[in-house]
């Protein structure tokens, strides 16, 4: 795997996991955790956060990183 994809998976994946945990804890007041984990929307939301994190956020972070390194 190239360095770019490693970086994107690391940064975007961490953001995606953080958002899944944060939104799950935020929704605990409305639905219990067990009920959230049984619903399909939880897994769809988790998938979307991870995909957005890896492909969008990871890409922009990679571009910013390469730009910083080239300006040195």
N, C-alpha and C. Protein backbone atom coordinates (compact mmCIF):
# COMPACT_ATOMS: atom_id res chain seq x y z
N UNK A 1 0.85 -1.16 0.00
CA UNK A 1 0.00 0.00 0.00
C UNK A 1 0.90 1.23 0.00
N UNK A 2 0.54 2.25 -0.77
CA UNK A 2 1.37 3.45 -0.86
C UNK A 2 1.27 4.28 0.42
N UNK A 3 2.21 5.17 0.57
CA UNK A 3 2.23 6.04 1.76
C UNK A 3 0.99 6.92 1.82
N UNK A 4 0.54 7.34 0.65
CA UNK A 4 -0.66 8.19 0.62
C UNK A 4 -1.86 7.46 1.21
N UNK A 5 -2.08 6.22 0.79
CA UNK A 5 -3.25 5.48 1.29
C UNK A 5 -3.11 5.13 2.75
N UNK A 6 -1.89 4.83 3.19
CA UNK A 6 -1.67 4.57 4.61
C UNK A 6 -2.03 5.79 5.43
N UNK A 7 -1.60 6.95 4.96
CA UNK A 7 -1.89 8.20 5.66
C UNK A 7 -3.39 8.48 5.65
N UNK A 8 -4.03 8.31 4.51
CA UNK A 8 -5.46 8.57 4.41
C UNK A 8 -6.27 7.64 5.30
N UNK A 9 -5.92 6.36 5.33
CA UNK A 9 -6.65 5.41 6.17
C UNK A 9 -6.44 5.73 7.64
N UNK A 10 -5.21 6.11 7.99
CA UNK A 10 -4.91 6.42 9.38
C UNK A 10 -5.66 7.67 9.85
N UNK A 11 -5.53 8.76 9.12
CA UNK A 11 -6.16 10.01 9.58
C UNK A 11 -7.68 9.99 9.38
N UNK A 12 -8.13 9.57 8.20
CA UNK A 12 -9.56 9.54 7.93
C UNK A 12 -10.28 8.47 8.72
N UNK A 13 -9.63 7.33 8.91
CA UNK A 13 -10.23 6.25 9.69
C UNK A 13 -10.40 6.64 11.15
N UNK A 14 -9.40 7.31 11.70
CA UNK A 14 -9.51 7.78 13.09
C UNK A 14 -10.64 8.79 13.24
N UNK A 15 -10.75 9.70 12.27
CA UNK A 15 -11.84 10.68 12.32
C UNK A 15 -13.19 9.98 12.22
N UNK A 16 -13.29 9.02 11.32
CA UNK A 16 -14.53 8.28 11.14
C UNK A 16 -14.93 7.53 12.41
N UNK A 17 -13.99 6.86 13.03
CA UNK A 17 -14.27 6.14 14.28
C UNK A 17 -14.67 7.11 15.39
N UNK A 18 -13.98 8.23 15.47
CA UNK A 18 -14.32 9.24 16.48
C UNK A 18 -15.75 9.72 16.28
N UNK A 19 -16.12 10.00 15.04
CA UNK A 19 -17.47 10.49 14.77
C UNK A 19 -18.53 9.44 15.08
N UNK A 20 -18.25 8.18 14.79
CA UNK A 20 -19.20 7.11 15.10
C UNK A 20 -19.42 7.04 16.60
N UNK A 21 -18.34 7.04 17.36
CA UNK A 21 -18.45 6.96 18.82
C UNK A 21 -19.15 8.20 19.36
N UNK A 22 -18.76 9.37 18.89
CA UNK A 22 -19.36 10.62 19.36
C UNK A 22 -20.86 10.67 19.08
N UNK A 23 -21.26 10.33 17.86
CA UNK A 23 -22.68 10.38 17.51
C UNK A 23 -23.47 9.31 18.24
N UNK A 24 -22.87 8.16 18.49
CA UNK A 24 -23.54 7.11 19.25
C UNK A 24 -23.79 7.56 20.68
N UNK A 25 -22.76 8.15 21.29
CA UNK A 25 -22.92 8.65 22.65
C UNK A 25 -23.89 9.82 22.71
N UNK A 26 -23.92 10.63 21.68
CA UNK A 26 -24.84 11.76 21.62
C UNK A 26 -26.29 11.28 21.54
N UNK A 27 -26.53 10.16 20.85
CA UNK A 27 -27.88 9.63 20.67
C UNK A 27 -28.33 8.71 21.81
N UNK A 28 -27.46 8.45 22.78
CA UNK A 28 -27.82 7.54 23.88
C UNK A 28 -28.99 8.09 24.67
N UNK A 29 -29.14 9.40 24.74
CA UNK A 29 -30.27 9.96 25.48
C UNK A 29 -31.61 9.65 24.82
N UNK A 30 -31.62 9.46 23.51
CA UNK A 30 -32.85 9.15 22.79
C UNK A 30 -33.09 7.65 22.65
N UNK A 31 -32.03 6.89 22.34
CA UNK A 31 -32.14 5.44 22.16
C UNK A 31 -31.03 4.76 22.95
N UNK A 32 -31.32 3.67 23.62
CA UNK A 32 -30.26 2.94 24.33
C UNK A 32 -29.21 2.40 23.35
N UNK A 33 -28.03 2.17 23.87
CA UNK A 33 -26.92 1.71 23.04
C UNK A 33 -27.24 0.39 22.34
N UNK A 34 -27.84 -0.55 23.04
CA UNK A 34 -28.18 -1.84 22.45
C UNK A 34 -29.14 -1.68 21.27
N UNK A 35 -30.09 -0.78 21.41
CA UNK A 35 -31.04 -0.54 20.32
C UNK A 35 -30.35 0.11 19.13
N UNK A 36 -29.42 0.99 19.38
CA UNK A 36 -28.67 1.62 18.29
C UNK A 36 -27.83 0.60 17.53
N UNK A 37 -27.18 -0.30 18.27
CA UNK A 37 -26.33 -1.29 17.63
C UNK A 37 -27.11 -2.32 16.82
N UNK A 38 -28.40 -2.49 17.13
CA UNK A 38 -29.24 -3.44 16.40
C UNK A 38 -29.84 -2.83 15.14
N UNK A 39 -29.82 -1.52 15.02
CA UNK A 39 -30.46 -0.89 13.87
C UNK A 39 -29.50 -0.85 12.68
N UNK A 40 -30.05 -0.90 11.51
CA UNK A 40 -29.26 -0.82 10.29
C UNK A 40 -28.72 0.57 10.04
N UNK A 41 -29.41 1.57 10.55
CA UNK A 41 -28.95 2.94 10.33
C UNK A 41 -27.62 3.21 11.04
N UNK A 42 -27.38 2.54 12.15
CA UNK A 42 -26.10 2.70 12.85
C UNK A 42 -24.95 2.27 11.94
N UNK A 43 -25.08 1.12 11.31
CA UNK A 43 -24.01 0.60 10.47
C UNK A 43 -23.88 1.39 9.17
N UNK A 44 -25.00 1.87 8.65
CA UNK A 44 -24.94 2.73 7.47
C UNK A 44 -24.21 4.03 7.81
N UNK A 45 -24.57 4.63 8.95
CA UNK A 45 -23.92 5.87 9.37
C UNK A 45 -22.43 5.65 9.61
N UNK A 46 -22.08 4.53 10.24
CA UNK A 46 -20.67 4.23 10.49
C UNK A 46 -19.90 4.08 9.17
N UNK A 47 -20.50 3.39 8.22
CA UNK A 47 -19.88 3.22 6.90
C UNK A 47 -19.67 4.57 6.21
N UNK A 48 -20.69 5.41 6.25
CA UNK A 48 -20.60 6.72 5.60
C UNK A 48 -19.52 7.58 6.26
N UNK A 49 -19.46 7.61 7.58
CA UNK A 49 -18.43 8.38 8.27
C UNK A 49 -17.03 7.88 7.91
N UNK A 50 -16.86 6.58 7.86
CA UNK A 50 -15.54 6.04 7.52
C UNK A 50 -15.16 6.35 6.08
N UNK A 51 -16.10 6.21 5.16
CA UNK A 51 -15.81 6.50 3.75
C UNK A 51 -15.49 7.98 3.56
N UNK A 52 -16.27 8.85 4.15
CA UNK A 52 -16.01 10.28 4.04
C UNK A 52 -14.67 10.62 4.69
N UNK A 53 -14.41 10.03 5.84
CA UNK A 53 -13.15 10.30 6.53
C UNK A 53 -11.95 9.87 5.71
N UNK A 54 -11.99 8.66 5.17
CA UNK A 54 -10.84 8.14 4.45
C UNK A 54 -10.66 8.83 3.10
N UNK A 55 -11.73 8.93 2.32
CA UNK A 55 -11.58 9.44 0.97
C UNK A 55 -11.58 10.96 0.87
N UNK A 56 -12.37 11.64 1.66
CA UNK A 56 -12.44 13.10 1.55
C UNK A 56 -11.47 13.77 2.52
N UNK A 57 -11.66 13.54 3.79
CA UNK A 57 -10.80 14.18 4.79
C UNK A 57 -9.36 13.71 4.65
N UNK A 58 -9.15 12.42 4.46
CA UNK A 58 -7.80 11.91 4.28
C UNK A 58 -7.12 12.49 3.07
N UNK A 59 -7.85 12.67 1.98
CA UNK A 59 -7.28 13.25 0.76
C UNK A 59 -6.84 14.68 1.00
N UNK A 60 -7.69 15.49 1.59
CA UNK A 60 -7.33 16.88 1.83
C UNK A 60 -6.19 17.00 2.83
N UNK A 61 -6.15 16.14 3.84
CA UNK A 61 -5.04 16.15 4.78
C UNK A 61 -3.74 15.74 4.09
N UNK A 62 -3.81 14.77 3.18
CA UNK A 62 -2.62 14.35 2.44
C UNK A 62 -2.10 15.49 1.57
N UNK A 63 -3.01 16.18 0.88
CA UNK A 63 -2.60 17.30 0.04
C UNK A 63 -1.95 18.40 0.88
N UNK A 64 -2.51 18.70 2.04
CA UNK A 64 -1.93 19.71 2.91
C UNK A 64 -0.56 19.28 3.41
N UNK A 65 -0.41 18.01 3.72
CA UNK A 65 0.87 17.48 4.20
C UNK A 65 1.93 17.59 3.12
N UNK A 66 1.61 17.21 1.90
CA UNK A 66 2.60 17.29 0.82
C UNK A 66 2.94 18.73 0.50
N UNK A 67 1.96 19.61 0.61
CA UNK A 67 2.23 21.04 0.35
C UNK A 67 3.17 21.60 1.41
N UNK A 68 2.95 21.22 2.69
CA UNK A 68 3.84 21.67 3.77
C UNK A 68 5.26 21.16 3.56
N UNK A 69 5.37 19.88 3.16
CA UNK A 69 6.70 19.29 2.95
C UNK A 69 7.42 19.91 1.76
N UNK A 70 6.68 20.27 0.73
CA UNK A 70 7.31 20.89 -0.45
C UNK A 70 7.73 22.32 -0.20
N UNK A 71 7.09 22.99 0.75
CA UNK A 71 7.44 24.38 1.05
C UNK A 71 8.66 24.50 1.96
N UNK A 72 9.13 23.41 2.50
CA UNK A 72 10.29 23.47 3.40
C UNK A 72 11.56 23.70 2.66
